[in-house]
Amino acid sequence: MKTENIMNLSKKIALAVAVGFFANLSFGQSVQEGVNYVDSQKYAKAKQNFTDLINQNPKDASNYFYLGNANLTQFEPNFDQAQESFNKGLAADPKSYLNKLGLASVKLGKGDKSAITEIQQIVKDSREKDAEVLFRAGEALTLFEKNNAPDLAITYLNKAIEKAQKAGVPANYYYSLGDAYRLKANGNSQIAGQALTAYEKALPVAKSKAAVYTRIGTLWMSAAQWQNAKQNLDKAIAVDPTYAPAYKALAGFNIKYQKNAEATQNLINYAKYADEDPYTQLEIAKLYFINEDYANAKTTLNSVFDKVDDPIKYRLRAYIQYGDGDYAGAQENLNTFLSKVDKSRLQPSDDGLQGLIAAGLAKDEKDAAKKAQLEALSQQKVAIAKAAKDETLKWDEELAKVKGGINAASVDQGATSPEIEALKAKVAANPKDTDALYKLAQEYQNVQNWNGAILTWGKMSSALPDWAPAYYSQGYAYQQAGNNDMAKASYEKFISLVKPAEIEASKQSLGYAYFFIAYMEKDANPEKAKQDIAKSLEYEPTYQDAINLQKTLNK
């Protein structure tokens, strides 16, 4: 699964505002504290801090801006509360450029691109005298992944940096400049290098070095430079073990590498050092789901479900119920989300999830006409997500899993034994116990609980992602369960992981894997099937089924 898109929880490039931002500006210490809270993703404390400042001085329009901006920079923007704060700021000072920028940011976040022109006019009206206004204009143009203007942001941020030179450039000016280049890069390594340069310029002036290293780490992650990413995330935690965003980024790293146990520990630390803001808890629940830790995802979501008004909670509950195989419940919550949410917040993944749920419902539908309708809807909706190149889930793989009926509930409905129950308890106590996982998968196979074997071999692969035999065994289990598409995918993964030094010992398994793949390809892609069957016989020259298939293919 992919960390980025499940809830599209304001996938803002910005981590928020840097520690030390106000060190060189004429703001009070308590404002700086609020900004520090935002940077550490302690949104509840930040909002309380700015609310206290407003109560102390209701006539200071800037405090309303910072409160509103905290509502924008949290994981899922609360546009209504942000807009309310900005309007109050303008009531206190109708000329407040910051609050005018805030209202334009709300429009932009909702998908109204005319807000870009509004931001330009606000900057023009300010005569570009105030570095803070220039900075906030640039920041606003980088906040939202789908609605942004990186080139214009770069212009404003460079002007802000130039204007702030005398007093000293705050670190977050460089952060937002890096974010703008990052948005612009879109795979261009040269432009991404400019983002890195901007972040590195923040190092000498940033009070929180962890914030800088975390940014650099996530930049390397986006470039798939995993070693550099890990080094910088480790540096972030080394200089500040309480800096929550570093643990969140590290969780994403470990999820990518399918190190589920490590990712869970990262999320526990993240929750420990962030705060109890409901939207932060929603983010944590989302990450637990991506990490396939459905129990913690459900527990975390349930703890804040009634505290959050945002309909995004229904989307997340639908995902969790889908993961549990509760397709009817998932459909109900997804429908609630779709009926309540602003249409500008819909994602291609919403169509994809509808498709997967429809496939799940079709599986048990007895009415032939309804079943056919659900199956057609499933293909149509999943195709939308795939066409949009949405990577929230591996759509084909998930669809195959649904059709195969594999989930925790289906495992529990299968055969068991005293040995299985004992090993399950052992794995629950230590999810990284690969010896117990191996034995559990074998026991599931012994009692022909193929769903249990499939899921357990999958956990084994997560624990040891480069260990080829786990994928071969999972392919065999898929095959026994009648899910040939997933069996083929597992065998292909097995082949890709066999190292040269392991070939001799793996010849029999390689011969069969290539045979099965050739058999699956023989009608749709006979030329590839010929290549695969030749490889099969290269490893197992006397394998009669492969010999027969080769004769058929060569007719």
Protein backbone atom coordinates (compact mmCIF):
# COMPACT_ATOMS: atom_id res chain seq x y z
CA MET A 1 0.00 0.00 0.00
CA LYS A 2 1.03 3.40 -0.53
CA THR A 3 1.47 5.86 2.42
CA GLU A 4 0.38 8.98 0.50
CA ASN A 5 -3.29 8.94 -0.62
CA ILE A 6 -5.74 6.93 1.57
CA MET A 7 -7.45 10.00 2.98
CA ASN A 8 -5.49 12.58 1.00
CA LEU A 9 -5.04 14.13 4.42
CA SER A 10 -3.89 17.49 3.05
CA LYS A 11 -0.88 16.01 1.38
CA LYS A 12 0.83 19.32 1.73
CA ILE A 13 4.48 19.32 0.95
CA ALA A 14 5.02 21.62 3.92
CA LEU A 15 5.70 20.08 7.29
CA ALA A 16 4.22 23.36 8.56
CA VAL A 17 6.12 26.25 10.06
CA ALA A 18 9.68 25.96 11.28
CA VAL A 19 10.84 26.19 14.86
CA GLY A 20 12.55 29.49 15.38
CA PHE A 21 10.57 31.32 12.70
CA PHE A 22 9.92 34.35 14.81
CA ALA A 23 13.34 34.48 16.43
CA ASN A 24 14.37 37.33 14.19
CA LEU A 25 11.02 39.12 13.95
CA SER A 26 9.20 41.34 16.37
CA PHE A 27 6.61 38.84 17.65
CA GLY A 28 5.96 37.77 21.21
CA GLN A 29 7.40 34.61 22.69
CA SER A 30 3.98 32.99 23.02
CA VAL A 31 3.38 33.40 19.27
CA GLN A 32 6.67 31.64 18.64
CA GLU A 33 5.57 28.87 20.98
CA GLY A 34 2.43 28.41 18.92
CA VAL A 35 4.42 28.21 15.73
CA ASN A 36 6.74 25.67 17.34
CA TYR A 37 3.72 23.55 18.25
CA VAL A 38 2.55 23.60 14.63
CA ASP A 39 5.99 22.56 13.41
CA SER A 40 5.96 19.62 15.85
CA GLN A 41 2.45 18.71 14.62
CA LYS A 42 0.95 19.49 18.02
CA TYR A 43 -2.04 21.19 16.46
CA ALA A 44 -4.33 21.16 19.49
CA LYS A 45 -1.72 22.99 21.57
CA ALA A 46 -1.01 25.42 18.75
CA LYS A 47 -4.66 26.33 18.32
CA GLN A 48 -5.10 26.75 22.06
CA ASN A 49 -2.02 28.97 22.16
CA PHE A 50 -3.33 31.28 19.42
CA THR A 51 -6.81 31.31 20.96
CA ASP A 52 -5.30 32.46 24.27
CA LEU A 53 -3.46 35.25 22.43
CA ILE A 54 -6.71 36.38 20.79
CA ASN A 55 -8.43 36.45 24.18
CA GLN A 56 -5.57 38.55 25.56
CA ASN A 57 -5.67 41.02 22.69
CA PRO A 58 -8.78 40.70 20.47
CA LYS A 59 -7.74 43.73 18.42
CA ASP A 60 -4.52 42.14 17.10
CA ALA A 61 -5.57 40.85 13.66
CA SER A 62 -2.40 38.79 13.15
CA ASN A 63 -3.33 36.31 15.89
CA TYR A 64 -6.52 35.43 14.01
CA PHE A 65 -4.39 34.71 10.96
CA TYR A 66 -2.11 32.31 12.83
CA LEU A 67 -5.08 30.49 14.32
CA GLY A 68 -6.68 30.19 10.89
CA ASN A 69 -3.43 29.08 9.34
CA ALA A 70 -3.08 26.32 11.94
CA ASN A 71 -6.46 25.03 10.77
CA LEU A 72 -5.16 25.04 7.19
CA THR A 73 -1.84 23.34 7.88
CA GLN A 74 -3.22 20.47 9.98
CA PHE A 75 -3.44 17.13 8.20
CA GLU A 76 -6.95 17.63 6.92
CA PRO A 77 -7.64 21.36 6.50
CA ASN A 78 -10.67 22.68 8.37
CA PHE A 79 -11.65 25.33 5.85
CA ASP A 80 -14.72 26.51 7.78
CA GLN A 81 -12.82 27.23 11.00
CA ALA A 82 -9.94 28.79 9.08
CA GLN A 83 -12.30 31.08 7.18
CA GLU A 84 -14.04 32.07 10.40
CA SER A 85 -10.70 33.09 11.95
CA PHE A 86 -9.61 35.08 8.89
CA ASN A 87 -12.94 36.94 8.78
CA LYS A 88 -12.58 37.85 12.44
CA GLY A 89 -9.08 39.10 11.71
CA LEU A 90 -10.42 41.35 8.96
CA ALA A 91 -13.12 42.60 11.31
CA ALA A 92 -10.36 43.63 13.71
CA ASP A 93 -8.31 45.20 10.91
CA PRO A 94 -9.95 45.48 7.46
CA LYS A 95 -6.53 46.19 5.91
CA SER A 96 -4.86 43.03 7.24
CA TYR A 97 -3.01 41.56 4.26
CA LEU A 98 -2.32 38.35 6.18
CA ASN A 99 -5.99 37.60 6.74
CA LYS A 100 -6.79 38.52 3.13
CA LEU A 101 -4.17 35.96 2.11
CA GLY A 102 -5.80 33.50 4.50
CA LEU A 103 -9.18 33.81 2.80
CA ALA A 104 -7.55 33.42 -0.60
CA SER A 105 -5.80 30.30 0.69
CA VAL A 106 -9.14 28.80 1.68
CA LYS A 107 -10.46 29.38 -1.84
CA LEU A 108 -7.34 27.85 -3.35
CA GLY A 109 -7.51 24.83 -1.07
CA LYS A 110 -11.07 24.21 -2.24
CA GLY A 111 -9.93 24.22 -5.85
CA ASP A 112 -10.81 27.77 -6.91
CA LYS A 113 -7.82 28.76 -9.05
CA SER A 114 -9.00 32.39 -9.22
CA ALA A 115 -7.48 32.64 -5.74
CA ILE A 116 -4.05 32.78 -7.38
CA THR A 117 -5.00 36.07 -9.03
CA GLU A 118 -6.33 37.30 -5.68
CA ILE A 119 -3.02 36.49 -4.01
CA GLN A 120 -1.17 38.41 -6.70
CA GLN A 121 -3.40 41.43 -6.13
CA ILE A 122 -2.94 41.29 -2.35
CA VAL A 123 0.83 41.23 -2.79
CA LYS A 124 0.58 44.14 -5.22
CA ASP A 125 -1.58 46.13 -2.79
CA SER A 126 1.01 45.53 -0.05
CA ARG A 127 3.67 47.08 -2.33
CA GLU A 128 5.86 44.15 -1.38
CA LYS A 129 7.13 46.01 1.66
CA ASP A 130 6.58 43.25 4.22
CA ALA A 131 8.69 40.08 4.07
CA GLU A 132 6.04 38.26 6.10
CA VAL A 133 3.31 39.02 3.55
CA LEU A 134 5.58 37.89 0.71
CA PHE A 135 6.43 34.73 2.63
CA ARG A 136 2.82 33.88 3.45
CA ALA A 137 1.81 34.50 -0.18
CA GLY A 138 4.48 32.06 -1.32
CA GLU A 139 3.55 29.55 1.35
CA ALA A 140 -0.14 29.70 0.36
CA LEU A 141 0.83 28.77 -3.19
CA THR A 142 2.59 25.59 -1.98
CA LEU A 143 0.16 24.30 0.66
CA PHE A 144 -2.11 22.18 -1.49
CA GLU A 145 -0.87 19.39 -3.72
CA LYS A 146 -3.59 19.68 -6.35
CA ASN A 147 -3.98 23.46 -6.22
CA ASN A 148 -0.74 25.37 -6.31
CA ALA A 149 1.49 27.69 -8.34
CA PRO A 150 5.13 26.81 -7.61
CA ASP A 151 6.73 29.25 -10.07
CA LEU A 152 4.91 32.23 -8.58
CA ALA A 153 5.63 30.91 -5.08
CA ILE A 154 9.35 30.78 -5.88
CA THR A 155 9.24 34.41 -7.02
CA TYR A 156 7.55 35.59 -3.81
CA LEU A 157 9.71 33.47 -1.52
CA ASN A 158 12.95 34.68 -3.08
CA LYS A 159 11.72 38.25 -2.60
CA ALA A 160 10.85 37.48 1.03
CA ILE A 161 14.32 36.02 1.60
CA GLU A 162 15.96 39.06 0.02
CA LYS A 163 13.90 41.46 2.11
CA ALA A 164 14.64 39.55 5.33
CA GLN A 165 18.42 39.48 4.83
CA LYS A 166 19.20 42.36 7.17
CA ALA A 167 17.32 40.97 10.14
CA GLY A 168 18.27 37.39 9.28
CA VAL A 169 16.28 34.98 7.15
CA PRO A 170 14.00 32.68 9.20
CA ALA A 171 14.45 28.98 8.49
CA ASN A 172 10.92 28.44 7.27
CA TYR A 173 11.43 30.91 4.40
CA TYR A 174 13.95 28.41 3.05
CA TYR A 175 11.61 25.51 3.87
CA SER A 176 8.78 26.92 1.79
CA LEU A 177 11.20 27.76 -1.02
CA GLY A 178 12.33 24.13 -0.99
CA ASP A 179 8.68 23.03 -0.98
CA ALA A 180 7.98 25.18 -4.04
CA TYR A 181 10.91 23.72 -5.96
CA ARG A 182 9.78 20.29 -4.86
CA LEU A 183 6.33 20.86 -6.31
CA LYS A 184 7.85 22.17 -9.52
CA ALA A 185 10.35 19.31 -9.89
CA ASN A 186 7.85 16.56 -10.78
CA GLY A 187 10.69 14.08 -11.28
CA ASN A 188 13.24 16.60 -12.58
CA SER A 189 16.39 15.86 -10.58
CA GLN A 190 17.95 19.26 -11.31
CA ILE A 191 14.99 21.16 -9.85
CA ALA A 192 14.82 18.71 -6.96
CA GLY A 193 18.46 19.64 -6.33
CA GLN A 194 17.35 23.26 -5.93
CA ALA A 195 14.87 22.10 -3.29
CA LEU A 196 17.67 20.35 -1.45
CA THR A 197 19.82 23.48 -1.63
CA ALA A 198 17.02 25.55 -0.13
CA TYR A 199 16.57 23.10 2.74
CA GLU A 200 20.31 22.99 3.39
CA LYS A 201 20.39 26.80 3.65
CA ALA A 202 18.01 26.47 6.58
CA LEU A 203 20.44 24.36 8.60
CA PRO A 204 22.66 27.20 9.92
CA VAL A 205 19.68 29.32 11.03
CA ALA A 206 17.18 26.69 12.18
CA LYS A 207 16.82 26.16 15.91
CA SER A 208 15.27 22.78 15.14
CA LYS A 209 17.81 20.85 13.10
CA ALA A 210 15.41 17.90 13.25
CA ALA A 211 12.91 19.85 11.14
CA VAL A 212 15.57 20.37 8.45
CA TYR A 213 16.80 16.78 8.41
CA THR A 214 13.23 15.51 8.25
CA ARG A 215 12.53 17.67 5.21
CA ILE A 216 15.70 16.51 3.51
CA GLY A 217 14.87 12.90 4.38
CA THR A 218 11.40 13.07 2.84
CA LEU A 219 12.86 14.77 -0.25
CA TRP A 220 15.24 11.83 -0.70
CA MET A 221 12.30 9.47 -0.18
CA SER A 222 10.39 11.13 -3.02
CA ALA A 223 13.46 10.55 -5.22
CA ALA A 224 13.61 6.87 -4.14
CA GLN A 225 17.07 7.47 -2.66
CA TRP A 226 16.31 5.31 0.33
CA GLN A 227 19.72 5.19 1.98
CA ASN A 228 20.07 8.99 1.96
CA ALA A 229 16.49 9.26 3.24
CA LYS A 230 17.13 6.89 6.15
CA GLN A 231 20.39 8.64 7.08
CA ASN A 232 18.69 12.02 7.33
CA LEU A 233 15.69 10.71 9.26
CA ASP A 234 18.06 9.03 11.69
CA LYS A 235 19.90 12.36 12.05
CA ALA A 236 16.61 14.11 12.81
CA ILE A 237 15.80 11.70 15.64
CA ALA A 238 19.38 11.82 16.92
CA VAL A 239 19.33 15.62 17.33
CA ASP A 240 15.79 15.66 18.76
CA PRO A 241 14.28 12.32 19.85
CA THR A 242 10.97 14.09 20.61
CA TYR A 243 10.43 15.56 17.14
CA ALA A 244 7.20 13.83 16.09
CA PRO A 245 7.26 14.44 12.29
CA ALA A 246 10.51 12.49 11.97
CA TYR A 247 8.81 9.37 13.34
CA LYS A 248 5.91 9.83 10.92
CA ALA A 249 8.33 10.06 8.00
CA LEU A 250 10.27 7.04 9.29
CA ALA A 251 7.00 5.09 9.50
CA GLY A 252 6.45 5.86 5.82
CA PHE A 253 9.97 4.61 5.08
CA ASN A 254 9.40 1.33 6.94
CA ILE A 255 5.98 0.82 5.37
CA LYS A 256 7.63 1.17 1.96
CA TYR A 257 10.06 -1.56 2.93
CA GLN A 258 7.20 -3.63 4.40
CA LYS A 259 8.77 -3.52 7.85
CA ASN A 260 5.39 -3.48 9.54
CA ALA A 261 6.56 -4.01 13.12
CA GLU A 262 9.09 -1.18 12.88
CA ALA A 263 6.47 1.07 11.28
CA THR A 264 4.06 0.35 14.12
CA GLN A 265 6.72 1.36 16.66
CA ASN A 266 7.36 4.55 14.67
CA LEU A 267 3.66 5.36 14.82
CA ILE A 268 3.55 4.70 18.56
CA ASN A 269 6.41 7.19 18.98
CA TYR A 270 4.72 9.64 16.65
CA ALA A 271 1.54 9.51 18.71
CA LYS A 272 3.61 9.90 21.86
CA TYR A 273 5.35 13.09 20.71
CA ALA A 274 2.55 14.71 18.69
CA ASP A 275 -0.66 15.44 20.59
CA GLU A 276 -4.25 14.34 21.01
CA ASP A 277 -5.67 16.64 18.34
CA PRO A 278 -8.46 14.60 16.69
CA TYR A 279 -7.15 15.30 13.20
CA THR A 280 -3.71 14.07 14.19
CA GLN A 281 -5.33 10.90 15.51
CA LEU A 282 -7.13 10.49 12.19
CA GLU A 283 -3.77 10.68 10.45
CA ILE A 284 -2.36 8.05 12.79
CA ALA A 285 -5.34 5.79 12.13
CA LYS A 286 -4.77 6.19 8.40
CA LEU A 287 -1.12 5.21 8.75
CA TYR A 288 -2.01 2.17 10.84
CA PHE A 289 -4.33 1.11 8.02
CA ILE A 290 -1.60 1.54 5.41
CA ASN A 291 0.62 -0.58 7.65
CA GLU A 292 -2.10 -3.27 7.58
CA ASP A 293 -2.50 -2.92 11.35
CA TYR A 294 -6.29 -2.87 11.22
CA ALA A 295 -6.79 -3.40 14.95
CA ASN A 296 -4.86 -0.26 15.89
CA ALA A 297 -6.40 1.65 12.99
CA LYS A 298 -9.89 0.81 14.22
CA THR A 299 -9.09 1.56 17.86
CA THR A 300 -7.52 4.92 17.03
CA LEU A 301 -10.35 5.97 14.73
CA ASN A 302 -13.03 4.95 17.22
CA SER A 303 -11.33 7.02 19.94
CA VAL A 304 -11.89 10.27 18.01
CA PHE A 305 -14.77 9.46 15.65
CA ASP A 306 -17.36 11.46 17.58
CA LYS A 307 -14.93 14.34 18.18
CA VAL A 308 -14.46 15.10 14.49
CA ASP A 309 -17.10 16.77 12.34
CA ASP A 310 -15.19 16.37 9.10
CA PRO A 311 -16.79 13.72 6.83
CA ILE A 312 -13.30 12.40 6.07
CA LYS A 313 -13.80 10.12 9.08
CA TYR A 314 -16.38 8.12 7.13
CA ARG A 315 -13.92 7.54 4.31
CA LEU A 316 -11.33 6.17 6.71
CA ARG A 317 -13.86 3.94 8.44
CA ALA A 318 -14.88 2.61 5.03
CA TYR A 319 -11.26 1.68 4.30
CA ILE A 320 -10.87 -0.08 7.63
CA GLN A 321 -14.12 -2.00 7.16
CA TYR A 322 -13.00 -2.94 3.66
CA GLY A 323 -9.76 -4.27 5.16
CA ASP A 324 -11.82 -6.35 7.61
CA GLY A 325 -14.00 -7.73 4.81
CA ASP A 326 -17.12 -5.88 6.04
CA TYR A 327 -18.15 -4.76 2.56
CA ALA A 328 -21.69 -3.73 3.47
CA GLY A 329 -20.45 -1.53 6.32
CA ALA A 330 -17.73 -0.08 4.08
CA GLN A 331 -20.32 0.76 1.43
CA GLU A 332 -22.55 2.50 3.97
CA ASN A 333 -19.73 4.67 5.33
CA LEU A 334 -18.32 5.48 1.90
CA ASN A 335 -21.80 6.56 0.75
CA THR A 336 -22.08 8.77 3.84
CA PHE A 337 -18.71 10.34 3.03
CA LEU A 338 -19.65 10.94 -0.61
CA SER A 339 -22.98 12.54 0.36
CA LYS A 340 -21.42 14.90 2.92
CA VAL A 341 -18.04 15.91 1.52
CA ASP A 342 -17.33 18.93 -0.66
CA LYS A 343 -16.88 17.61 -4.19
CA SER A 344 -13.52 19.40 -4.49
CA ARG A 345 -12.12 16.91 -1.98
CA LEU A 346 -12.98 13.77 -3.93
CA GLN A 347 -10.08 11.63 -5.15
CA PRO A 348 -9.68 8.92 -7.81
CA SER A 349 -9.04 6.54 -4.91
CA ASP A 350 -12.68 7.04 -3.86
CA ASP A 351 -13.72 5.45 -7.16
CA GLY A 352 -11.16 2.71 -6.65
CA LEU A 353 -12.50 1.90 -3.19
CA GLN A 354 -16.06 1.82 -4.55
CA GLY A 355 -14.86 -0.70 -7.10
CA LEU A 356 -13.23 -2.94 -4.51
CA ILE A 357 -16.31 -2.82 -2.28
CA ALA A 358 -18.54 -3.66 -5.25
CA ALA A 359 -16.34 -6.68 -5.98
CA GLY A 360 -16.71 -7.80 -2.38
CA LEU A 361 -20.49 -7.41 -2.48
CA ALA A 362 -20.68 -9.24 -5.82
CA LYS A 363 -18.94 -12.27 -4.39
CA ASP A 364 -21.89 -13.15 -2.12
CA GLU A 365 -24.69 -11.80 -4.31
CA LYS A 366 -27.17 -14.53 -5.25
CA ASP A 367 -29.16 -12.58 -7.82
CA ALA A 368 -27.40 -13.10 -11.16
CA ALA A 369 -28.39 -9.72 -12.60
CA LYS A 370 -27.29 -7.79 -9.49
CA LYS A 371 -24.06 -9.79 -9.35
CA ALA A 372 -23.24 -8.90 -12.97
CA GLN A 373 -24.06 -5.25 -12.30
CA LEU A 374 -21.76 -5.15 -9.26
CA GLU A 375 -18.94 -6.86 -11.15
CA ALA A 376 -19.25 -4.36 -14.02
CA LEU A 377 -19.25 -1.46 -11.55
CA SER A 378 -16.18 -2.93 -9.87
CA GLN A 379 -14.19 -3.01 -13.11
CA GLN A 380 -15.35 0.47 -14.10
CA LYS A 381 -14.47 2.13 -10.79
CA VAL A 382 -11.09 0.43 -10.37
CA ALA A 383 -10.25 1.45 -13.94
CA ILE A 384 -10.83 5.11 -12.99
CA ALA A 385 -8.29 4.91 -10.16
CA LYS A 386 -5.77 3.13 -12.36
CA ALA A 387 -6.22 5.60 -15.24
CA ALA A 388 -5.50 8.45 -12.81
CA LYS A 389 -2.30 6.60 -11.79
CA ASP A 390 -3.56 6.65 -8.21
CA GLU A 391 -1.28 4.59 -5.98
CA THR A 392 -3.31 4.60 -2.80
CA LEU A 393 -3.62 0.83 -3.11
CA LYS A 394 -2.30 -1.74 -5.56
CA TRP A 395 -5.64 -1.89 -7.31
CA ASP A 396 -5.22 -5.08 -9.36
CA GLU A 397 -3.72 -6.91 -6.42
CA GLU A 398 -6.47 -5.77 -4.07
CA LEU A 399 -9.13 -6.74 -6.59
CA ALA A 400 -7.63 -10.21 -6.88
CA LYS A 401 -7.56 -10.51 -3.10
CA VAL A 402 -11.22 -9.52 -2.82
CA LYS A 403 -12.27 -12.00 -5.45
CA GLY A 404 -10.30 -14.64 -3.62
CA GLY A 405 -12.05 -13.72 -0.39
CA ILE A 406 -8.85 -13.37 1.64
CA ASN A 407 -9.07 -11.40 4.88
CA ALA A 408 -8.75 -11.99 8.60
CA ALA A 409 -12.36 -13.16 8.85
CA SER A 410 -11.91 -15.75 6.09
CA VAL A 411 -8.82 -17.10 7.83
CA ASP A 412 -10.72 -17.53 11.09
CA GLN A 413 -13.48 -19.36 9.24
CA GLY A 414 -10.97 -21.92 7.92
CA ALA A 415 -9.48 -24.96 9.59
CA THR A 416 -7.31 -24.62 12.67
CA SER A 417 -5.41 -26.78 15.14
CA PRO A 418 -3.87 -26.51 18.62
CA GLU A 419 -0.51 -25.90 16.95
CA ILE A 420 -1.95 -23.02 14.92
CA GLU A 421 -3.56 -21.38 17.95
CA ALA A 422 -0.31 -21.62 19.93
CA LEU A 423 1.71 -20.15 17.06
CA LYS A 424 -0.83 -17.34 16.55
CA ALA A 425 -0.38 -16.34 20.19
CA LYS A 426 3.39 -16.44 19.76
CA VAL A 427 3.26 -14.21 16.66
CA ALA A 428 0.88 -11.80 18.38
CA ALA A 429 3.39 -11.44 21.22
CA ASN A 430 6.28 -10.86 18.80
CA PRO A 431 5.26 -10.03 15.19
CA LYS A 432 8.95 -10.11 14.14
CA ASP A 433 9.40 -13.75 15.18
CA THR A 434 10.13 -15.14 11.72
CA ASP A 435 10.58 -18.68 13.03
CA ALA A 436 7.05 -18.62 14.46
CA LEU A 437 5.67 -17.07 11.25
CA TYR A 438 7.32 -19.78 9.14
CA LYS A 439 5.93 -22.55 11.33
CA LEU A 440 2.47 -20.93 11.40
CA ALA A 441 2.35 -20.73 7.60
CA GLN A 442 3.38 -24.39 7.38
CA GLU A 443 0.71 -25.41 9.88
CA TYR A 444 -1.97 -23.54 7.91
CA GLN A 445 -0.86 -25.47 4.84
CA ASN A 446 -0.98 -28.75 6.76
CA VAL A 447 -4.68 -28.20 7.56
CA GLN A 448 -5.31 -26.72 4.09
CA ASN A 449 -6.33 -23.30 5.42
CA TRP A 450 -4.97 -21.64 2.31
CA ASN A 451 -6.16 -18.15 3.23
CA GLY A 452 -4.26 -18.43 6.51
CA ALA A 453 -1.17 -19.61 4.65
CA ILE A 454 -1.42 -16.76 2.13
CA LEU A 455 -1.70 -14.06 4.78
CA THR A 456 1.04 -15.58 6.94
CA TRP A 457 3.48 -15.97 4.05
CA GLY A 458 2.69 -12.32 3.30
CA LYS A 459 3.69 -11.38 6.84
CA MET A 460 6.85 -13.42 6.41
CA SER A 461 7.63 -11.44 3.25
CA SER A 462 7.09 -8.21 5.17
CA ALA A 463 9.52 -9.33 7.84
CA LEU A 464 12.07 -10.62 5.31
CA PRO A 465 11.29 -8.79 2.04
CA ASP A 466 14.30 -10.25 0.19
CA TRP A 467 13.70 -13.87 1.19
CA ALA A 468 12.54 -15.50 -2.05
CA PRO A 469 11.08 -18.79 -0.67
CA ALA A 470 8.25 -16.92 1.11
CA TYR A 471 6.93 -15.69 -2.24
CA TYR A 472 7.16 -19.17 -3.77
CA SER A 473 5.21 -20.64 -0.85
CA GLN A 474 2.65 -17.87 -1.06
CA GLY A 475 2.26 -18.54 -4.79
CA TYR A 476 1.61 -22.21 -4.04
CA ALA A 477 -1.00 -21.26 -1.41
CA TYR A 478 -2.72 -18.86 -3.81
CA GLN A 479 -2.79 -21.60 -6.42
CA GLN A 480 -4.36 -24.07 -4.00
CA ALA A 481 -6.94 -21.42 -3.09
CA GLY A 482 -7.83 -21.06 -6.77
CA ASN A 483 -6.46 -17.53 -7.16
CA ASN A 484 -4.20 -18.09 -10.14
CA ASP A 485 -3.64 -14.40 -10.92
CA MET A 486 -2.14 -13.77 -7.49
CA ALA A 487 -0.24 -17.07 -7.68
CA LYS A 488 1.37 -15.89 -10.90
CA ALA A 489 2.32 -12.54 -9.29
CA SER A 490 3.89 -14.32 -6.31
CA TYR A 491 5.87 -16.69 -8.52
CA GLU A 492 7.14 -13.73 -10.54
CA LYS A 493 8.28 -12.03 -7.34
CA PHE A 494 10.01 -15.26 -6.25
CA ILE A 495 11.93 -15.44 -9.54
CA SER A 496 13.03 -11.81 -9.26
CA LEU A 497 14.48 -12.37 -5.77
CA VAL A 498 16.47 -15.56 -6.32
CA LYS A 499 20.13 -14.60 -6.07
CA PRO A 500 22.79 -16.15 -8.35
CA ALA A 501 24.27 -18.07 -5.41
CA GLU A 502 20.82 -19.58 -4.70
CA ILE A 503 19.99 -20.78 -8.20
CA GLU A 504 21.44 -24.28 -7.87
CA ALA A 505 19.42 -25.02 -4.73
CA SER A 506 16.29 -23.42 -6.25
CA LYS A 507 16.25 -25.11 -9.67
CA GLN A 508 13.18 -27.25 -9.00
CA SER A 509 11.18 -24.30 -7.65
CA LEU A 510 12.32 -22.06 -10.51
CA GLY A 511 11.34 -24.72 -13.04
CA TYR A 512 7.83 -24.94 -11.66
CA ALA A 513 7.41 -21.18 -11.23
CA TYR A 514 8.35 -20.51 -14.85
CA PHE A 515 6.05 -23.34 -15.98
CA PHE A 516 3.08 -21.90 -14.11
CA ILE A 517 3.70 -18.40 -15.48
CA ALA A 518 3.99 -19.81 -19.02
CA TYR A 519 0.73 -21.72 -18.55
CA MET A 520 -1.03 -18.52 -17.44
CA GLU A 521 0.40 -16.58 -20.41
CA LYS A 522 -0.19 -19.20 -23.13
CA ASP A 523 -3.43 -17.71 -24.49
CA ALA A 524 -2.95 -13.99 -23.95
CA ASN A 525 0.76 -13.78 -24.69
CA PRO A 526 2.05 -16.95 -26.40
CA GLU A 527 5.45 -15.47 -27.28
CA LYS A 528 6.19 -14.66 -23.66
CA ALA A 529 4.88 -18.09 -22.69
CA LYS A 530 7.44 -19.66 -25.04
CA GLN A 531 10.23 -17.73 -23.34
CA ASP A 532 9.01 -18.73 -19.88
CA ILE A 533 8.64 -22.41 -20.74
CA ALA A 534 12.15 -22.40 -22.15
CA LYS A 535 13.41 -21.05 -18.83
CA SER A 536 11.40 -23.72 -17.01
CA LEU A 537 13.09 -26.47 -18.98
CA GLU A 538 16.47 -24.82 -18.52
CA TYR A 539 16.11 -25.46 -14.79
CA GLU A 540 14.13 -28.72 -14.98
CA PRO A 541 14.86 -30.41 -18.36
CA THR A 542 12.86 -33.55 -17.55
CA TYR A 543 9.72 -31.82 -16.23
CA GLN A 544 7.08 -33.55 -18.36
CA ASP A 545 4.29 -30.96 -17.95
CA ALA A 546 6.69 -28.28 -19.19
CA ILE A 547 7.78 -30.47 -22.11
CA ASN A 548 4.15 -31.00 -23.12
CA LEU A 549 3.32 -27.29 -22.86
CA GLN A 550 6.33 -26.39 -24.99
CA LYS A 551 5.14 -28.79 -27.69
CA THR A 552 1.68 -27.20 -27.61
CA LEU A 553 3.11 -23.70 -27.86
CA ASN A 554 5.37 -24.61 -30.77
CA LYS A 555 2.62 -26.11 -32.94
